[in-house]
């Protein structure tokens, strides 16, 4: 299928629809401020296999810095994953 071009605003507004179309094979180039910023491509069936989260190298990565809401990454992990 051909790659479609959409703006970042369109992506935010239509994400569920775009995800559904990507599952059918569509690809997208996303524009940010009228310039190509990134591409969205469907995952291959082989790469869609996800193992246990503990095997993900980023899962156990150390905390880095603070976010704009003042929370640390440790705070975010606790909120998202229920980690102590």
C-alpha atoms as a PDB file:
ATOM      1  CA  UNK A   1       0.000   0.000   0.000  1.00  0.00           C
ATOM      2  CA  UNK A   2       1.081   3.570  -0.577  1.00  0.00           C
ATOM      3  CA  UNK A   3       2.257   5.782   2.248  1.00  0.00           C
ATOM      4  CA  UNK A   4      -0.278   8.425   3.236  1.00  0.00           C
ATOM      5  CA  UNK A   5       0.739  11.838   4.577  1.00  0.00           C
ATOM      6  CA  UNK A   6      -1.003  13.346   7.603  1.00  0.00           C
ATOM      7  CA  UNK A   7      -0.284  16.160  10.036  1.00  0.00           C
ATOM      8  CA  UNK A   8       0.512  15.593  13.709  1.00  0.00           C
ATOM      9  CA  UNK A   9      -2.812  17.296  14.475  1.00  0.00           C
ATOM     10  CA  UNK A  10      -4.671  14.771  12.292  1.00  0.00           C
ATOM     11  CA  UNK A  11      -2.805  11.932  13.996  1.00  0.00           C
ATOM     12  CA  UNK A  12      -3.892  13.101  17.456  1.00  0.00           C
ATOM     13  CA  UNK A  13      -7.484  13.633  16.356  1.00  0.00           C
ATOM     14  CA  UNK A  14      -7.836  10.328  14.488  1.00  0.00           C
ATOM     15  CA  UNK A  15      -5.536   7.912  16.298  1.00  0.00           C
ATOM     16  CA  UNK A  16      -8.039   5.045  16.778  1.00  0.00           C
ATOM     17  CA  UNK A  17      -9.021   5.184  13.101  1.00  0.00           C
ATOM     18  CA  UNK A  18      -5.384   5.336  11.985  1.00  0.00           C
ATOM     19  CA  UNK A  19      -4.433   2.379  14.189  1.00  0.00           C
ATOM     20  CA  UNK A  20      -7.245   0.359  12.641  1.00  0.00           C
ATOM     21  CA  UNK A  21      -6.080   1.288   9.121  1.00  0.00           C
ATOM     22  CA  UNK A  22      -2.474   0.443  10.004  1.00  0.00           C
ATOM     23  CA  UNK A  23      -3.591  -3.009  11.144  1.00  0.00           C
ATOM     24  CA  UNK A  24      -4.798  -3.440   7.569  1.00  0.00           C
ATOM     25  CA  UNK A  25      -1.399  -2.403   6.182  1.00  0.00           C
ATOM     26  CA  UNK A  26      -1.567   1.382   5.741  1.00  0.00           C
ATOM     27  CA  UNK A  27       1.598   3.420   6.344  1.00  0.00           C
ATOM     28  CA  UNK A  28       1.858   7.104   7.223  1.00  0.00           C
ATOM     29  CA  UNK A  29       4.352   9.947   7.040  1.00  0.00           C
ATOM     30  CA  UNK A  30       3.556  12.421   9.794  1.00  0.00           C
ATOM     31  CA  UNK A  31       4.206  16.114   9.242  1.00  0.00           C
ATOM     32  CA  UNK A  32       5.069  18.430  12.100  1.00  0.00           C
ATOM     33  CA  UNK A  33       5.050  22.121  11.255  1.00  0.00           C
ATOM     34  CA  UNK A  34       4.688  21.229   7.585  1.00  0.00           C
ATOM     35  CA  UNK A  35       7.813  19.068   7.526  1.00  0.00           C
ATOM     36  CA  UNK A  36       8.130  15.280   7.589  1.00  0.00           C
ATOM     37  CA  UNK A  37       8.874  14.260  11.180  1.00  0.00           C
ATOM     38  CA  UNK A  38       8.467  10.481  11.288  1.00  0.00           C
ATOM     39  CA  UNK A  39       6.855   7.461   9.655  1.00  0.00           C
ATOM     40  CA  UNK A  40       4.328   5.048  11.064  1.00  0.00           C
ATOM     41  CA  UNK A  41       4.516   1.525   9.723  1.00  0.00           C
ATOM     42  CA  UNK A  42       2.670  -1.604  10.841  1.00  0.00           C
ATOM     43  CA  UNK A  43       4.647  -4.139  12.825  1.00  0.00           C
ATOM     44  CA  UNK A  44       5.420  -7.456  11.249  1.00  0.00           C
ATOM     45  CA  UNK A  45       3.789 -10.480  12.872  1.00  0.00           C
ATOM     46  CA  UNK A  46       7.215 -11.661  14.100  1.00  0.00           C
ATOM     47  CA  UNK A  47       8.038  -8.363  15.827  1.00  0.00           C
ATOM     48  CA  UNK A  48       4.600  -8.129  17.438  1.00  0.00           C
ATOM     49  CA  UNK A  49       5.422 -10.967  19.810  1.00  0.00           C
ATOM     50  CA  UNK A  50       5.989  -9.474  23.232  1.00  0.00           C
ATOM     51  CA  UNK A  51       7.716 -11.339  26.023  1.00  0.00           C
ATOM     52  CA  UNK A  52       7.620 -10.788  29.773  1.00  0.00           C
ATOM     53  CA  UNK A  53       8.139  -7.161  30.777  1.00  0.00           C
ATOM     54  CA  UNK A  54      11.037  -8.183  33.025  1.00  0.00           C
ATOM     55  CA  UNK A  55      12.978  -9.115  29.874  1.00  0.00           C
ATOM     56  CA  UNK A  56      12.623  -5.604  28.420  1.00  0.00           C
ATOM     57  CA  UNK A  57      15.973  -3.816  28.925  1.00  0.00           C
ATOM     58  CA  UNK A  58      14.231  -0.495  29.579  1.00  0.00           C
ATOM     59  CA  UNK A  59      12.023  -1.926  32.321  1.00  0.00           C
ATOM     60  CA  UNK A  60      14.903  -2.126  34.786  1.00  0.00           C
ATOM     61  CA  UNK A  61      16.700   1.014  33.613  1.00  0.00           C
ATOM     62  CA  UNK A  62      17.680   3.517  36.308  1.00  0.00           C
ATOM     63  CA  UNK A  63      15.693   6.716  36.834  1.00  0.00           C
ATOM     64  CA  UNK A  64      16.707   9.806  34.858  1.00  0.00           C
ATOM     65  CA  UNK A  65      15.863  13.439  35.641  1.00  0.00           C
ATOM     66  CA  UNK A  66      12.477  15.040  36.218  1.00  0.00           C
ATOM     67  CA  UNK A  67       9.513  15.697  33.966  1.00  0.00           C
ATOM     68  CA  UNK A  68       7.578  18.923  33.503  1.00  0.00           C
ATOM     69  CA  UNK A  69       5.057  17.827  36.148  1.00  0.00           C
ATOM     70  CA  UNK A  70       7.807  17.684  38.785  1.00  0.00           C
ATOM     71  CA  UNK A  71       7.674  13.912  39.175  1.00  0.00           C
ATOM     72  CA  UNK A  72      10.717  11.731  38.780  1.00  0.00           C
ATOM     73  CA  UNK A  73      10.721   8.685  36.533  1.00  0.00           C
ATOM     74  CA  UNK A  74      10.569   6.593  39.723  1.00  0.00           C
ATOM     75  CA  UNK A  75       7.298   8.396  40.589  1.00  0.00           C
ATOM     76  CA  UNK A  76       5.938   7.630  37.126  1.00  0.00           C
ATOM     77  CA  UNK A  77       6.895   3.961  37.411  1.00  0.00           C
ATOM     78  CA  UNK A  78       5.121   3.758  40.757  1.00  0.00           C
ATOM     79  CA  UNK A  79       2.000   5.376  39.292  1.00  0.00           C
ATOM     80  CA  UNK A  80       2.011   3.322  36.078  1.00  0.00           C
ATOM     81  CA  UNK A  81       3.246  -0.040  37.285  1.00  0.00           C
ATOM     82  CA  UNK A  82       2.491   0.017  40.998  1.00  0.00           C
ATOM     83  CA  UNK A  83       6.164  -0.432  41.814  1.00  0.00           C
ATOM     84  CA  UNK A  84       7.083   0.435  45.427  1.00  0.00           C
END
